[in-house]
Protein backbone atom coordinates (compact mmCIF):
# COMPACT_ATOMS: atom_id res chain seq x y z
CA MET A 1 59.81 23.63 -195.49
CA LYS A 2 61.14 27.08 -194.72
CA LYS A 3 59.87 28.93 -191.69
CA VAL A 4 58.85 32.50 -192.54
CA ILE A 5 57.35 35.44 -190.66
CA LEU A 6 55.91 38.23 -192.79
CA ASP A 7 55.96 41.87 -191.67
CA THR A 8 53.83 43.89 -194.06
CA ASP A 9 52.05 47.18 -194.73
CA ILE A 10 49.38 45.41 -196.79
CA GLY A 11 46.69 47.85 -197.89
CA SER A 12 48.81 50.56 -199.51
CA ASP A 13 50.57 49.32 -202.65
CA ILE A 14 48.82 46.16 -203.93
CA ASP A 15 52.02 44.13 -204.13
CA ASP A 16 51.86 43.27 -200.42
CA ALA A 17 48.63 41.35 -200.98
CA VAL A 18 50.16 39.66 -204.03
CA CYS A 19 53.12 38.66 -201.86
CA LEU A 20 50.93 37.21 -199.10
CA ALA A 21 48.92 35.23 -201.67
CA TYR A 22 52.19 33.77 -202.98
CA LEU A 23 53.38 32.77 -199.51
CA LEU A 24 50.03 31.14 -198.66
CA LYS A 25 50.22 29.03 -201.82
CA GLN A 26 53.96 28.29 -201.66
CA PRO A 27 54.19 24.59 -200.61
CA GLU A 28 57.69 25.09 -199.20
CA CYS A 29 56.60 27.93 -196.91
CA GLU A 30 55.62 27.42 -193.27
CA LEU A 31 54.15 30.84 -192.53
CA LEU A 32 54.47 31.19 -188.77
CA GLY A 33 52.72 34.54 -188.52
CA ILE A 34 51.97 37.94 -189.96
CA THR A 35 52.59 41.34 -188.38
CA THR A 36 51.31 44.59 -189.85
CA VAL A 37 52.94 48.00 -189.76
CA SER A 38 52.25 51.65 -190.62
CA GLY A 39 48.98 53.61 -190.51
CA GLU A 40 45.82 51.67 -189.54
CA PRO A 41 47.61 48.41 -188.70
CA GLU A 42 44.35 46.82 -187.51
CA LYS A 43 42.74 47.33 -190.93
CA ARG A 44 45.86 45.91 -192.54
CA ALA A 45 45.50 42.86 -190.29
CA MET A 46 41.90 42.49 -191.46
CA MET A 47 43.05 42.49 -195.08
CA ALA A 48 45.62 39.81 -194.32
CA SER A 49 42.90 37.70 -192.69
CA VAL A 50 40.86 37.81 -195.91
CA LEU A 51 43.62 36.00 -197.80
CA CYS A 52 44.28 33.56 -194.98
CA LYS A 53 40.58 32.64 -194.96
CA ILE A 54 40.50 32.13 -198.74
CA ALA A 55 43.60 29.91 -198.43
CA LYS A 56 41.98 27.97 -195.56
CA GLN A 57 44.85 28.93 -193.26
CA GLU A 58 42.90 30.89 -190.67
CA ASP A 59 45.09 29.53 -187.88
CA ILE A 60 48.03 31.70 -188.96
CA PRO A 61 48.43 34.32 -186.20
CA ILE A 62 48.06 37.93 -187.27
CA TYR A 63 49.23 40.80 -185.05
CA PRO A 64 48.71 44.53 -185.77
CA GLY A 65 51.96 46.31 -185.13
CA ILE A 66 53.18 49.88 -184.88
CA ALA A 67 51.24 52.63 -186.68
CA LYS A 68 53.77 55.52 -186.55
CA PRO A 69 57.45 55.85 -187.44
CA LEU A 70 60.00 56.08 -184.62
CA LEU A 71 60.91 59.77 -184.96
CA THR A 72 59.65 61.20 -188.25
CA PRO A 73 56.12 62.34 -189.19
CA ILE A 74 53.85 59.63 -190.55
CA VAL A 75 53.57 59.70 -194.33
CA GLN A 76 51.39 56.61 -194.75
CA PRO A 77 48.46 57.23 -192.33
CA ILE A 78 45.81 55.01 -193.90
CA ALA A 79 45.36 51.63 -195.62
CA GLN A 80 43.50 52.73 -198.74
CA GLN A 81 42.51 49.28 -200.00
CA ALA A 82 40.79 48.49 -196.68
CA ALA A 83 37.84 50.43 -198.09
CA LEU A 84 36.84 47.19 -199.83
CA LEU A 85 36.97 44.98 -196.75
CA ASN A 86 33.18 44.82 -196.52
CA ARG A 87 33.15 42.69 -199.66
CA TRP A 88 35.10 39.87 -198.02
CA GLU A 89 34.83 37.82 -194.84
CA HIS A 90 37.55 38.76 -192.40
CA LYS A 91 38.51 38.78 -188.75
CA GLU A 92 37.76 42.00 -186.91
CA THR A 93 39.53 41.55 -183.60
CA PHE A 94 43.23 40.93 -183.04
CA PRO A 95 45.62 40.95 -180.09
CA LYS A 96 46.54 44.53 -179.22
CA GLY A 97 50.07 45.66 -178.49
CA GLU A 98 51.55 42.19 -178.86
CA ALA A 99 53.19 42.23 -182.31
CA ILE A 100 56.75 42.85 -181.09
CA GLU A 101 56.43 40.25 -178.34
CA PHE A 102 54.99 37.75 -180.84
CA LEU A 103 58.01 38.26 -183.09
CA ARG A 104 60.44 37.99 -180.18
CA ARG A 105 58.82 34.87 -178.72
CA THR A 106 58.49 33.04 -182.04
CA ILE A 107 62.05 33.71 -183.15
CA ARG A 108 63.37 32.53 -179.77
CA GLN A 109 61.33 29.35 -180.12
CA HIS A 110 63.05 28.58 -183.47
CA PRO A 111 66.63 29.84 -183.20
CA GLY A 112 68.46 29.91 -186.51
CA GLU A 113 65.44 28.69 -188.45
CA ILE A 114 63.31 31.71 -189.34
CA THR A 115 63.45 34.00 -192.34
CA LEU A 116 61.94 37.34 -191.38
CA LEU A 117 60.51 38.85 -194.55
CA ALA A 118 59.90 42.58 -194.06
CA ILE A 119 58.09 44.33 -196.95
CA GLY A 120 56.88 47.52 -195.24
CA PRO A 121 58.47 50.32 -193.23
CA MET A 122 61.00 48.87 -190.78
CA THR A 123 59.37 50.15 -187.58
CA ASN A 124 58.31 46.78 -186.16
CA VAL A 125 61.64 45.13 -186.95
CA ALA A 126 63.66 48.00 -185.51
CA LEU A 127 61.71 47.94 -182.26
CA LEU A 128 62.09 44.15 -182.07
CA PHE A 129 65.86 44.43 -182.46
CA SER A 130 65.96 47.24 -179.87
CA VAL A 131 63.98 45.54 -177.12
CA ASP A 132 65.81 42.22 -177.54
CA PRO A 133 69.29 42.79 -179.02
CA GLU A 134 69.97 39.06 -179.25
CA ILE A 135 67.16 38.51 -181.75
CA PRO A 136 69.13 39.46 -184.90
CA SER A 137 71.64 36.70 -184.20
CA LEU A 138 68.81 34.17 -183.78
CA LEU A 139 67.39 34.73 -187.27
CA LYS A 140 68.33 32.51 -190.18
CA GLU A 141 68.17 35.56 -192.42
CA LEU A 142 66.42 38.87 -192.89
CA VAL A 143 64.94 39.52 -196.34
CA LEU A 144 63.86 43.08 -197.05
CA MET A 145 62.00 44.80 -199.83
CA CYS A 146 63.86 48.01 -199.18
CA GLY A 147 66.25 50.46 -200.73
CA VAL A 148 67.54 51.59 -204.07
CA PHE A 149 71.20 51.02 -204.83
CA SER A 150 71.75 52.32 -208.34
CA TYR A 151 71.52 55.90 -209.51
CA LYS A 152 71.11 55.00 -213.16
CA LEU A 153 67.42 54.19 -212.87
CA PRO A 154 64.68 55.96 -214.90
CA LYS A 155 63.82 59.48 -213.75
CA GLU A 156 60.42 58.36 -212.43
CA VAL A 157 62.16 56.07 -209.90
CA LEU A 158 62.97 58.01 -206.75
CA LEU A 159 66.42 57.78 -205.17
CA THR A 160 64.77 57.04 -201.83
CA GLU A 161 62.66 53.89 -201.70
CA TRP A 162 59.23 54.13 -200.01
CA ASN A 163 59.76 51.70 -197.14
CA ALA A 164 63.08 53.30 -196.19
CA LEU A 165 61.57 56.77 -196.51
CA ASN A 166 58.65 55.95 -194.22
CA ASP A 167 60.92 55.33 -191.24
CA PRO A 168 64.58 56.19 -191.93
CA PHE A 169 65.72 55.76 -188.34
CA ALA A 170 64.17 52.30 -188.15
CA THR A 171 65.78 51.41 -191.47
CA LYS A 172 69.18 52.41 -190.11
CA ILE A 173 68.70 50.30 -186.97
CA VAL A 174 67.73 47.26 -189.04
CA TYR A 175 70.66 47.53 -191.44
CA ASN A 176 73.09 47.90 -188.54
CA ALA A 177 71.81 44.78 -186.78
CA PRO A 178 74.10 41.72 -186.49
CA VAL A 179 71.96 39.36 -188.57
CA LYS A 180 73.84 36.48 -190.21
CA ARG A 181 72.57 37.60 -193.61
CA ILE A 182 70.52 40.59 -194.69
CA ARG A 183 69.23 40.45 -198.23
CA SER A 184 67.74 43.54 -199.85
CA ILE A 185 65.61 43.45 -202.98
CA GLY A 186 65.52 47.09 -204.04
CA LEU A 187 64.05 49.20 -206.79
CA ASP A 188 67.03 48.38 -209.01
CA VAL A 189 65.52 44.96 -209.73
CA THR A 190 61.86 45.18 -208.64
CA THR A 191 61.12 47.82 -211.28
CA GLN A 192 61.95 45.19 -213.89
CA VAL A 193 59.05 42.87 -212.91
CA VAL A 194 55.90 44.63 -214.03
CA MET A 195 52.43 43.76 -215.33
CA ASP A 196 49.93 46.24 -216.71
CA LYS A 197 46.29 46.29 -215.69
CA GLU A 198 45.11 44.13 -218.59
CA GLU A 199 47.74 41.48 -217.87
CA VAL A 200 46.79 41.45 -214.20
CA GLU A 201 43.12 41.01 -215.06
CA ALA A 202 43.96 38.09 -217.32
CA GLY A 203 46.40 36.47 -214.88
CA PHE A 204 44.82 36.95 -211.43
CA THR A 205 42.03 34.40 -211.82
CA ALA A 206 43.04 31.77 -209.24
CA GLU A 207 40.83 31.65 -206.13
CA ILE A 208 43.53 33.15 -203.88
CA MET A 209 43.96 36.07 -206.30
CA LYS A 210 40.29 37.10 -206.45
CA PRO A 211 40.38 39.33 -203.36
CA VAL A 212 43.78 40.60 -204.46
CA PHE A 213 42.37 41.70 -207.78
CA ASP A 214 39.43 43.26 -205.98
CA PHE A 215 41.71 45.25 -203.66
CA ALA A 216 43.72 46.21 -206.72
CA GLY A 217 40.73 48.18 -207.94
CA VAL A 218 41.69 50.90 -205.43
CA TRP A 219 45.29 50.77 -206.62
CA PHE A 220 44.29 51.05 -210.26
CA GLU A 221 42.43 54.30 -209.58
CA TYR A 222 45.82 56.06 -209.68
CA ALA A 223 48.09 53.49 -211.38
CA ASN A 224 47.86 51.39 -214.52
CA ARG A 225 50.30 48.65 -213.61
CA ILE A 226 51.60 46.52 -210.74
CA VAL A 227 55.28 46.39 -209.91
CA PHE A 228 55.99 43.09 -208.13
CA HIS A 229 58.31 44.59 -205.50
CA ASP A 230 57.29 42.39 -202.56
CA PRO A 231 56.47 39.14 -204.39
CA LEU A 232 59.96 39.25 -205.93
CA ALA A 233 61.50 39.55 -202.45
CA ALA A 234 59.44 36.57 -201.26
CA ALA A 235 60.26 34.45 -204.31
CA THR A 236 64.03 34.82 -203.77
CA ILE A 237 63.64 32.88 -200.52
CA PHE A 238 62.49 29.80 -202.42
CA GLU A 239 64.13 30.14 -205.86
CA GLU A 240 67.77 31.24 -205.70
CA LYS A 241 68.13 31.61 -209.49
CA ILE A 242 65.64 34.49 -209.78
CA CYS A 243 68.07 37.15 -208.51
CA ARG A 244 71.84 37.47 -208.35
CA PHE A 245 73.17 39.01 -205.15
CA GLU A 246 76.40 40.75 -204.16
CA LYS A 247 77.75 41.29 -200.66
CA GLY A 248 78.58 44.65 -199.16
CA ASP A 249 78.12 47.20 -196.40
CA MET A 250 75.16 49.51 -195.94
CA GLN A 251 74.66 53.05 -194.70
CA VAL A 252 71.33 54.81 -194.32
CA GLU A 253 70.98 58.61 -194.40
CA THR A 254 69.13 60.06 -191.38
CA ASP A 255 70.67 63.52 -191.10
CA SER A 256 69.02 65.28 -194.04
CA LYS A 257 65.41 66.32 -194.52
CA ILE A 258 65.84 65.86 -198.26
CA THR A 259 67.58 62.50 -198.43
CA ASN A 260 66.50 60.77 -195.20
CA GLY A 261 66.15 57.07 -195.94
CA LEU A 262 68.71 57.09 -198.76
CA THR A 263 70.43 53.70 -198.80
CA LYS A 264 74.15 53.73 -199.65
CA TRP A 265 75.72 50.35 -200.37
CA THR A 266 79.40 49.57 -200.89
CA ALA A 267 80.61 46.24 -202.25
CA SER A 268 82.64 44.16 -199.79
CA PRO A 269 83.25 40.40 -199.80
CA GLU A 270 82.94 40.37 -196.01
CA GLY A 271 79.68 42.33 -195.88
CA ILE A 272 76.47 40.91 -194.40
CA ASN A 273 74.26 43.16 -196.52
CA GLU A 274 73.53 41.43 -199.81
CA ILE A 275 71.71 43.35 -202.50
CA ALA A 276 70.00 42.01 -205.60
CA VAL A 277 71.89 43.29 -208.63
CA GLU A 278 70.22 41.28 -211.39
CA VAL A 279 66.81 39.69 -211.90
CA ASP A 280 65.55 37.10 -214.33
CA ALA A 281 62.07 38.56 -214.86
CA PRO A 282 60.71 35.73 -217.09
CA LEU A 283 61.85 33.15 -214.55
CA PHE A 284 60.17 35.11 -211.75
CA PHE A 285 56.81 35.23 -213.51
CA GLU A 286 57.05 31.55 -214.47
CA HIS A 287 57.79 30.67 -210.84
CA PHE A 288 55.13 32.98 -209.43
CA PHE A 289 52.26 31.69 -211.54
CA ASN A 290 53.35 28.09 -211.10
CA ILE A 291 52.76 28.66 -207.38
CA VAL A 292 49.60 30.79 -207.28
CA GLY A 293 48.00 29.42 -210.46
CA ARG A 294 46.07 31.30 -213.13
């Protein structure tokens, strides 16, 4: 069993909910807790509780985290998919102002054992590392859905990835932290694992995926496909063959209004920042549906 804490902005892009469903069904995952981040973190916590209830894992602690970025204006003020919460049973009350302390306490209770999986803006993680500078060294690893590291991507793929863009200063703090291993799964590879709306409708039939598909109705109002950004990041924790990684050093741009959040990676055999450079998309989908079912 691998001990995991999930930090998520579930409720914006649908892939966060897909990721949580995967973790709840993954038999090798001991999910120690969930923290939410970005606008309306309480509603995001409610959404997470829907999936925990469906999975009969209601004892997993859920803590709403920080709503606003450290220094920049908020660009993700609401959790759009929370509009459908009334269709599903969910918790409505959560501990207030305790997310960072929960992370700190839990990691200290399990030194060297926890993978922190961060799939939203890095605000919670940056504050955690700032209030307790020893925490990064107590993690087993930090796995991030963050960044873009190639400039040969299709034109529709932005050079600045959404999570990094939402809180560039937090992203910089996180990448500079002395974690034993930081793994980034960026747009270079996540944009290669895609399902269109019809494929999603045919594939998301397992019990755990029913609320996910329902929440996806909001997403499909302005998109016709799902990119499995966050589930891919989660899957790499349990199946090493899905992605190939290379080591290097990371810099994050915070001095430009135009390119704030830009992630610049340089290959180095001594670097702690590993980025995914290749993905086996068929293997990912085979692995994913073997876990969540169809």
